[in-house]
Amino acid sequence: MCLITSQKKALIAEYDLTVYKWLNVDRYSDGSVSYSAPYQKTDYILNELYTTEIADVEGNWDKCAFDNIDSKALDKLYKDSEGRDNWNPSWYSGDEPADVRYIGSGFHACLTLERAKSIEFMSNKRIFECTIPAGSEYYLNPSNLIVSNNIIIHKEIEE
């Protein structure tokens, strides 16, 4: 998974940002519960601050849209001079690749609960309310996805 954006430099959060993240939830017979990220398998403890480096994807293998909503938003924005979509290096064959950045490492989340709920292939995961603390670095993309260098996972969103 990567965040595709034309944003070249990180923004700095001036205040805490509420975001939403999908996690695996495993419940054990002894009553304990574990939380982990679906792709990177990072384990989380609720209400703890996690910090990482934001880094670009290396190579072309993971330079793809997150979902159909993301793909459609990218298609609208990134076109070559002949009107062809040109943000995905694995299928674009024109001479003018979009000036975008592909961010792989970082804490990926959604800016809104509605955006998080729109991700159909996460049906066996759970949505969590999270905070990107003030002072954190972050990047945005046009389909309301975000990646940051800091995150705190708070609580599961009950539906």
C-alpha atoms as a PDB file:
ATOM      1  CA  MET A   1       0.000   0.000   0.000  1.00  0.00           C
ATOM      2  CA  CYS A   2       1.227   3.478  -0.736  1.00  0.00           C
ATOM      3  CA  LEU A   3      -0.070   7.012  -0.594  1.00  0.00           C
ATOM      4  CA  ILE A   4       0.160   8.754  -3.972  1.00  0.00           C
ATOM      5  CA  THR A   5       0.411  12.526  -3.711  1.00  0.00           C
ATOM      6  CA  SER A   6       1.825  15.550  -5.512  1.00  0.00           C
ATOM      7  CA  GLN A   7       2.809  16.945  -2.093  1.00  0.00           C
ATOM      8  CA  LYS A   8       6.616  17.041  -2.034  1.00  0.00           C
ATOM      9  CA  LYS A   9       7.206  18.327   1.496  1.00  0.00           C
ATOM     10  CA  ALA A  10       5.527  17.178   4.706  1.00  0.00           C
ATOM     11  CA  LEU A  11       2.948  19.388   6.359  1.00  0.00           C
ATOM     12  CA  ILE A  12       3.265  19.870  10.126  1.00  0.00           C
ATOM     13  CA  ALA A  13       0.105  19.350  12.174  1.00  0.00           C
ATOM     14  CA  GLU A  14      -0.691  22.592  14.018  1.00  0.00           C
ATOM     15  CA  TYR A  15      -3.185  20.749  16.239  1.00  0.00           C
ATOM     16  CA  ASP A  16      -4.186  17.135  16.913  1.00  0.00           C
ATOM     17  CA  LEU A  17      -5.850  15.539  13.889  1.00  0.00           C
ATOM     18  CA  THR A  18      -8.509  12.856  14.315  1.00  0.00           C
ATOM     19  CA  VAL A  19      -8.151  10.104  11.708  1.00  0.00           C
ATOM     20  CA  TYR A  20      -9.443   6.564  11.223  1.00  0.00           C
ATOM     21  CA  LYS A  21      -7.424   3.402  10.706  1.00  0.00           C
ATOM     22  CA  TRP A  22      -8.307  -0.218   9.939  1.00  0.00           C
ATOM     23  CA  LEU A  23      -6.774  -2.837  12.235  1.00  0.00           C
ATOM     24  CA  ASN A  24      -6.860  -6.576  12.761  1.00  0.00           C
ATOM     25  CA  VAL A  25      -8.380  -7.449  16.140  1.00  0.00           C
ATOM     26  CA  ASP A  26      -7.542 -10.819  17.680  1.00  0.00           C
ATOM     27  CA  ARG A  27      -9.400 -11.903  20.802  1.00  0.00           C
ATOM     28  CA  TYR A  28      -7.968 -14.741  22.872  1.00  0.00           C
ATOM     29  CA  SER A  29      -9.532 -17.253  25.246  1.00  0.00           C
ATOM     30  CA  ASP A  30      -7.735 -15.687  28.238  1.00  0.00           C
ATOM     31  CA  GLY A  31      -9.589 -12.410  27.569  1.00  0.00           C
ATOM     32  CA  SER A  32      -6.633 -10.566  26.050  1.00  0.00           C
ATOM     33  CA  VAL A  33      -6.903  -8.660  22.784  1.00  0.00           C
ATOM     34  CA  SER A  34      -4.230  -7.716  20.245  1.00  0.00           C
ATOM     35  CA  TYR A  35      -4.367  -5.051  17.546  1.00  0.00           C
ATOM     36  CA  SER A  36      -2.250  -5.021  14.382  1.00  0.00           C
ATOM     37  CA  ALA A  37      -2.012  -3.238  11.041  1.00  0.00           C
ATOM     38  CA  PRO A  38      -3.358  -5.355   8.143  1.00  0.00           C
ATOM     39  CA  TYR A  39      -0.384  -4.826   5.805  1.00  0.00           C
ATOM     40  CA  GLN A  40       2.749  -4.200   7.845  1.00  0.00           C
ATOM     41  CA  LYS A  41       1.556  -6.309  10.802  1.00  0.00           C
ATOM     42  CA  THR A  42       2.641  -3.604  13.253  1.00  0.00           C
ATOM     43  CA  ASP A  43       1.271  -4.395  16.705  1.00  0.00           C
ATOM     44  CA  TYR A  44      -0.392  -1.594  18.655  1.00  0.00           C
ATOM     45  CA  ILE A  45      -1.318  -0.899  22.265  1.00  0.00           C
ATOM     46  CA  LEU A  46      -4.228   1.505  22.624  1.00  0.00           C
ATOM     47  CA  ASN A  47      -3.464   5.090  23.706  1.00  0.00           C
ATOM     48  CA  GLU A  48       0.307   4.806  23.146  1.00  0.00           C
ATOM     49  CA  LEU A  49       2.279   7.105  20.847  1.00  0.00           C
ATOM     50  CA  TYR A  50       3.936   5.385  17.878  1.00  0.00           C
ATOM     51  CA  THR A  51       6.610   7.060  15.777  1.00  0.00           C
ATOM     52  CA  THR A  52       8.216   6.056  12.485  1.00  0.00           C
ATOM     53  CA  GLU A  53       9.962   7.537   9.469  1.00  0.00           C
ATOM     54  CA  ILE A  54       7.976   8.439   6.374  1.00  0.00           C
ATOM     55  CA  ALA A  55       9.676   6.981   3.306  1.00  0.00           C
ATOM     56  CA  ASP A  56       8.995   6.566  -0.393  1.00  0.00           C
ATOM     57  CA  VAL A  57       8.256   3.231  -2.051  1.00  0.00           C
ATOM     58  CA  GLU A  58      11.316   1.712  -3.686  1.00  0.00           C
ATOM     59  CA  GLY A  59      10.777   0.257  -7.152  1.00  0.00           C
ATOM     60  CA  ASN A  60       7.453   0.092  -8.981  1.00  0.00           C
ATOM     61  CA  TRP A  61       5.900  -3.015  -7.395  1.00  0.00           C
ATOM     62  CA  ASP A  62       3.689  -1.110  -4.907  1.00  0.00           C
ATOM     63  CA  LYS A  63       2.982   2.129  -6.757  1.00  0.00           C
ATOM     64  CA  CYS A  64      -0.732   1.537  -7.060  1.00  0.00           C
ATOM     65  CA  ALA A  65      -3.917   3.163  -5.855  1.00  0.00           C
ATOM     66  CA  PHE A  66      -5.250   1.986  -2.510  1.00  0.00           C
ATOM     67  CA  ASP A  67      -8.789   1.305  -3.771  1.00  0.00           C
ATOM     68  CA  ASN A  68     -11.240   2.300  -6.522  1.00  0.00           C
ATOM     69  CA  ILE A  69     -12.049   5.637  -4.858  1.00  0.00           C
ATOM     70  CA  ASP A  70      -8.346   6.471  -4.735  1.00  0.00           C
ATOM     71  CA  SER A  71      -7.824   5.370  -8.349  1.00  0.00           C
ATOM     72  CA  LYS A  72     -10.695   7.543  -9.616  1.00  0.00           C
ATOM     73  CA  ALA A  73      -9.411  10.605  -7.716  1.00  0.00           C
ATOM     74  CA  LEU A  74      -5.902  10.085  -9.114  1.00  0.00           C
ATOM     75  CA  ASP A  75      -7.262   9.556 -12.649  1.00  0.00           C
ATOM     76  CA  LYS A  76      -9.027  12.935 -12.502  1.00  0.00           C
ATOM     77  CA  LEU A  77      -5.907  14.824 -11.412  1.00  0.00           C
ATOM     78  CA  TYR A  78      -2.947  13.265 -13.181  1.00  0.00           C
ATOM     79  CA  LYS A  79      -3.107  13.327 -16.978  1.00  0.00           C
ATOM     80  CA  ASP A  80      -0.511  13.666 -19.708  1.00  0.00           C
ATOM     81  CA  SER A  81      -0.804  16.213 -22.533  1.00  0.00           C
ATOM     82  CA  GLU A  82      -2.971  13.759 -24.492  1.00  0.00           C
ATOM     83  CA  GLY A  83      -5.421  13.270 -21.624  1.00  0.00           C
ATOM     84  CA  ARG A  84      -4.218   9.805 -20.575  1.00  0.00           C
ATOM     85  CA  ASP A  85      -4.013   8.871 -16.881  1.00  0.00           C
ATOM     86  CA  ASN A  86      -0.310   8.913 -16.026  1.00  0.00           C
ATOM     87  CA  TRP A  87       0.221   8.409 -12.293  1.00  0.00           C
ATOM     88  CA  ASN A  88       0.912   4.645 -12.278  1.00  0.00           C
ATOM     89  CA  PRO A  89       4.367   3.753 -13.636  1.00  0.00           C
ATOM     90  CA  SER A  90       3.490   0.057 -14.081  1.00  0.00           C
ATOM     91  CA  TRP A  91       1.000   0.742 -16.872  1.00  0.00           C
ATOM     92  CA  TYR A  92       1.749   4.247 -18.157  1.00  0.00           C
ATOM     93  CA  SER A  93       3.801   4.271 -21.360  1.00  0.00           C
ATOM     94  CA  GLY A  94       3.723   7.948 -22.322  1.00  0.00           C
ATOM     95  CA  ASP A  95       6.543  10.500 -22.101  1.00  0.00           C
ATOM     96  CA  GLU A  96       5.152  12.689 -19.329  1.00  0.00           C
ATOM     97  CA  PRO A  97       4.795  10.778 -16.063  1.00  0.00           C
ATOM     98  CA  ALA A  98       2.869  12.636 -13.399  1.00  0.00           C
ATOM     99  CA  ASP A  99       4.932  14.565 -10.885  1.00  0.00           C
ATOM    100  CA  VAL A 100       3.834  12.521  -7.882  1.00  0.00           C
ATOM    101  CA  ARG A 101       5.386  10.971  -4.817  1.00  0.00           C
ATOM    102  CA  TYR A 102       4.741   7.377  -3.724  1.00  0.00           C
ATOM    103  CA  ILE A 103       4.941   7.062   0.069  1.00  0.00           C
ATOM    104  CA  GLY A 104       5.097   3.571   1.529  1.00  0.00           C
ATOM    105  CA  SER A 105       6.431   3.823   5.080  1.00  0.00           C
ATOM    106  CA  GLY A 106       4.443   5.726   7.674  1.00  0.00           C
ATOM    107  CA  PHE A 107       1.150   5.397   9.504  1.00  0.00           C
ATOM    108  CA  HIS A 108      -1.596   5.220   6.882  1.00  0.00           C
ATOM    109  CA  ALA A 109      -5.135   6.278   7.770  1.00  0.00           C
ATOM    110  CA  CYS A 110      -8.308   7.953   6.464  1.00  0.00           C
ATOM    111  CA  LEU A 111      -9.222  11.585   7.121  1.00  0.00           C
ATOM    112  CA  THR A 112     -12.893  10.850   7.728  1.00  0.00           C
ATOM    113  CA  LEU A 113     -14.962   8.014   9.152  1.00  0.00           C
ATOM    114  CA  GLU A 114     -17.002   7.968   5.930  1.00  0.00           C
ATOM    115  CA  ARG A 115     -13.819   7.398   3.910  1.00  0.00           C
ATOM    116  CA  ALA A 116     -12.779   4.564   6.214  1.00  0.00           C
ATOM    117  CA  LYS A 117     -16.210   2.946   5.897  1.00  0.00           C
ATOM    118  CA  SER A 118     -15.989   3.129   2.084  1.00  0.00           C
ATOM    119  CA  ILE A 119     -13.121   0.618   1.971  1.00  0.00           C
ATOM    120  CA  GLU A 120     -14.954  -2.580   1.083  1.00  0.00           C
ATOM    121  CA  PHE A 121     -12.062  -5.076   1.176  1.00  0.00           C
ATOM    122  CA  MET A 122     -11.463  -4.479   4.911  1.00  0.00           C
ATOM    123  CA  SER A 123     -14.737  -6.122   5.948  1.00  0.00           C
ATOM    124  CA  ASN A 124     -13.012  -8.523   8.356  1.00  0.00           C
ATOM    125  CA  LYS A 125     -11.065  -5.680  10.043  1.00  0.00           C
ATOM    126  CA  ARG A 126     -12.191  -3.030  12.527  1.00  0.00           C
ATOM    127  CA  ILE A 127     -12.069   0.784  12.277  1.00  0.00           C
ATOM    128  CA  PHE A 128     -10.292   2.692  15.052  1.00  0.00           C
ATOM    129  CA  GLU A 129     -10.362   6.366  15.940  1.00  0.00           C
ATOM    130  CA  CYS A 130      -6.808   7.689  16.108  1.00  0.00           C
ATOM    131  CA  THR A 131      -4.904  10.915  16.677  1.00  0.00           C
ATOM    132  CA  ILE A 132      -2.062  12.356  14.686  1.00  0.00           C
ATOM    133  CA  PRO A 133      -0.562  14.602  17.382  1.00  0.00           C
ATOM    134  CA  ALA A 134       0.232  18.294  16.848  1.00  0.00           C
ATOM    135  CA  GLY A 135       3.777  18.663  15.566  1.00  0.00           C
ATOM    136  CA  SER A 136       3.608  15.479  13.454  1.00  0.00           C
ATOM    137  CA  GLU A 137       4.629  15.363   9.806  1.00  0.00           C
ATOM    138  CA  TYR A 138       1.955  14.240   7.363  1.00  0.00           C
ATOM    139  CA  TYR A 139       1.064  13.914   3.692  1.00  0.00           C
ATOM    140  CA  LEU A 140      -2.399  13.964   2.094  1.00  0.00           C
ATOM    141  CA  ASN A 141      -3.788  12.665  -1.144  1.00  0.00           C
ATOM    142  CA  PRO A 142      -6.892  13.606  -3.149  1.00  0.00           C
ATOM    143  CA  SER A 143      -9.066  10.724  -1.902  1.00  0.00           C
ATOM    144  CA  ASN A 144      -8.912  11.641   1.818  1.00  0.00           C
ATOM    145  CA  LEU A 145      -6.067   9.328   2.728  1.00  0.00           C
ATOM    146  CA  ILE A 146      -3.208  10.445   4.975  1.00  0.00           C
ATOM    147  CA  VAL A 147       0.178   9.139   6.097  1.00  0.00           C
ATOM    148  CA  SER A 148       2.023  10.473   9.144  1.00  0.00           C
ATOM    149  CA  ASN A 149       5.114   9.865  11.220  1.00  0.00           C
ATOM    150  CA  ASN A 150       3.193   9.706  14.532  1.00  0.00           C
ATOM    151  CA  ILE A 151      -0.084   8.094  15.575  1.00  0.00           C
ATOM    152  CA  ILE A 152      -2.027   7.156  18.690  1.00  0.00           C
ATOM    153  CA  ILE A 153      -4.696   4.443  18.347  1.00  0.00           C
ATOM    154  CA  HIS A 154      -7.583   5.198  20.716  1.00  0.00           C
ATOM    155  CA  LYS A 155     -10.734   3.165  20.388  1.00  0.00           C
ATOM    156  CA  GLU A 156     -12.656   0.851  18.148  1.00  0.00           C
ATOM    157  CA  ILE A 157     -15.573   2.446  16.328  1.00  0.00           C
ATOM    158  CA  GLU A 158     -18.710   0.444  17.065  1.00  0.00           C
ATOM    159  CA  GLU A 159     -21.179   0.095  14.207  1.00  0.00           C
END
